[in-house]
Protein backbone atom coordinates (compact mmCIF):
# COMPACT_ATOMS: atom_id res chain seq x y z
CA UNK A 1 -50.14 75.09 13.35
CA UNK A 2 -46.53 74.96 14.20
CA UNK A 3 -43.93 74.52 11.55
CA UNK A 4 -40.16 73.63 12.17
CA UNK A 5 -37.73 74.10 9.37
CA UNK A 6 -34.37 72.28 10.15
CA UNK A 7 -31.36 74.46 10.68
CA UNK A 8 -29.27 73.08 7.83
CA UNK A 9 -31.97 73.97 5.32
CA UNK A 10 -31.93 77.60 6.40
CA UNK A 11 -28.23 77.41 6.38
CA UNK A 12 -28.31 76.30 2.74
CA UNK A 13 -30.59 78.94 1.65
CA UNK A 14 -29.86 82.00 3.60
CA UNK A 15 -26.64 84.21 4.11
CA UNK A 16 -25.77 87.46 5.69
CA UNK A 17 -23.83 90.38 3.85
CA UNK A 18 -22.19 93.15 5.68
CA UNK A 19 -23.47 96.68 4.58
CA UNK A 20 -21.50 99.49 6.30
CA UNK A 21 -21.13 98.35 9.92
CA UNK A 22 -24.31 96.00 9.94
CA UNK A 23 -24.91 92.66 8.74
CA UNK A 24 -28.27 92.11 6.80
CA UNK A 25 -29.87 88.64 6.36
CA UNK A 26 -30.88 87.54 2.67
CA UNK A 27 -32.52 84.43 1.60
CA UNK A 28 -33.63 82.65 -1.57
CA UNK A 29 -37.36 82.32 -2.20
CA UNK A 30 -38.05 78.90 -1.63
CA UNK A 31 -40.98 76.59 -1.69
CA UNK A 32 -40.87 73.81 0.91
CA UNK A 33 -42.62 70.42 0.31
CA UNK A 34 -43.16 67.76 2.76
CA UNK A 35 -44.50 64.25 2.58
CA UNK A 36 -47.27 63.14 5.14
CA UNK A 37 -44.59 60.78 6.76
CA UNK A 38 -42.53 63.85 7.65
CA UNK A 39 -45.38 65.64 9.49
CA UNK A 40 -46.42 65.54 13.11
CA UNK A 41 -49.64 66.84 14.04
CA UNK A 42 -51.07 67.97 17.50
CA UNK A 43 -54.35 66.56 18.56
CA UNK A 44 -56.04 70.16 18.23
CA UNK A 45 -54.58 70.46 14.68
CA UNK A 46 -56.15 67.18 13.49
CA UNK A 47 -59.54 68.08 15.23
CA UNK A 48 -59.51 71.26 13.23
CA UNK A 49 -58.63 69.61 10.09
CA UNK A 50 -61.39 66.94 10.72
CA UNK A 51 -63.93 69.70 11.29
CA UNK A 52 -63.02 71.47 8.11
CA UNK A 53 -62.83 68.37 6.02
CA UNK A 54 -65.50 66.17 7.71
CA UNK A 55 -67.42 65.25 4.40
CA UNK A 56 -64.13 64.51 2.34
CA UNK A 57 -62.66 62.51 5.27
CA UNK A 58 -65.94 60.52 5.39
CA UNK A 59 -65.94 60.00 1.56
CA UNK A 60 -62.34 58.65 1.68
CA UNK A 61 -63.07 56.02 4.48
CA UNK A 62 -66.27 54.92 2.94
CA UNK A 63 -64.47 54.58 -0.33
CA UNK A 64 -61.76 52.34 0.93
CA UNK A 65 -62.92 49.03 2.12
CA UNK A 66 -59.74 48.75 4.52
CA UNK A 67 -60.42 52.33 6.10
CA UNK A 68 -64.18 51.26 6.37
CA UNK A 69 -63.24 48.11 8.13
CA UNK A 70 -60.66 49.88 10.41
CA UNK A 71 -63.68 52.40 11.40
CA UNK A 72 -66.10 49.55 12.04
CA UNK A 73 -63.49 47.74 14.12
CA UNK A 74 -62.96 50.96 16.27
CA UNK A 75 -66.66 51.63 16.72
CA UNK A 76 -67.04 47.83 17.95
CA UNK A 77 -64.06 48.14 20.36
CA UNK A 78 -65.70 51.28 21.83
CA UNK A 79 -69.09 49.40 21.90
CA UNK A 80 -70.81 52.09 19.86
CA UNK A 81 -74.18 50.95 18.57
CA UNK A 82 -74.49 52.87 15.29
CA UNK A 83 -78.44 52.44 15.45
CA UNK A 84 -78.48 54.72 18.51
CA UNK A 85 -76.66 57.71 16.76
CA UNK A 86 -78.92 60.50 15.97
CA UNK A 87 -78.60 62.93 13.08
CA UNK A 88 -78.39 66.74 13.15
CA UNK A 89 -82.22 66.80 13.36
CA UNK A 90 -82.32 64.76 16.42
CA UNK A 91 -83.67 61.78 14.53
CA UNK A 92 -82.32 58.24 15.33
CA UNK A 93 -80.27 56.41 12.56
CA UNK A 94 -82.74 53.69 11.39
CA UNK A 95 -80.57 52.51 8.63
CA UNK A 96 -78.76 49.23 9.25
């Protein structure tokens, strides 16, 4: 995952000092915090996250009526019949 730190942030928290004939960089130890709105993910990163947290994501979607409706709408728009989906054992989904 690629993280970009704004130049002005580095400028505020780092400096150089001359020691002899050389300049050496120094910086404060800093924890960076970002809101979700400030993050941009590539598709491959989202896929990795979804694979790592599948159960949690499903629980979140099913626990929120608005997200559940959005999922069902997306399934309908792609004409996916949930009854035809098979589980990991190759058995068809018989629950409706």
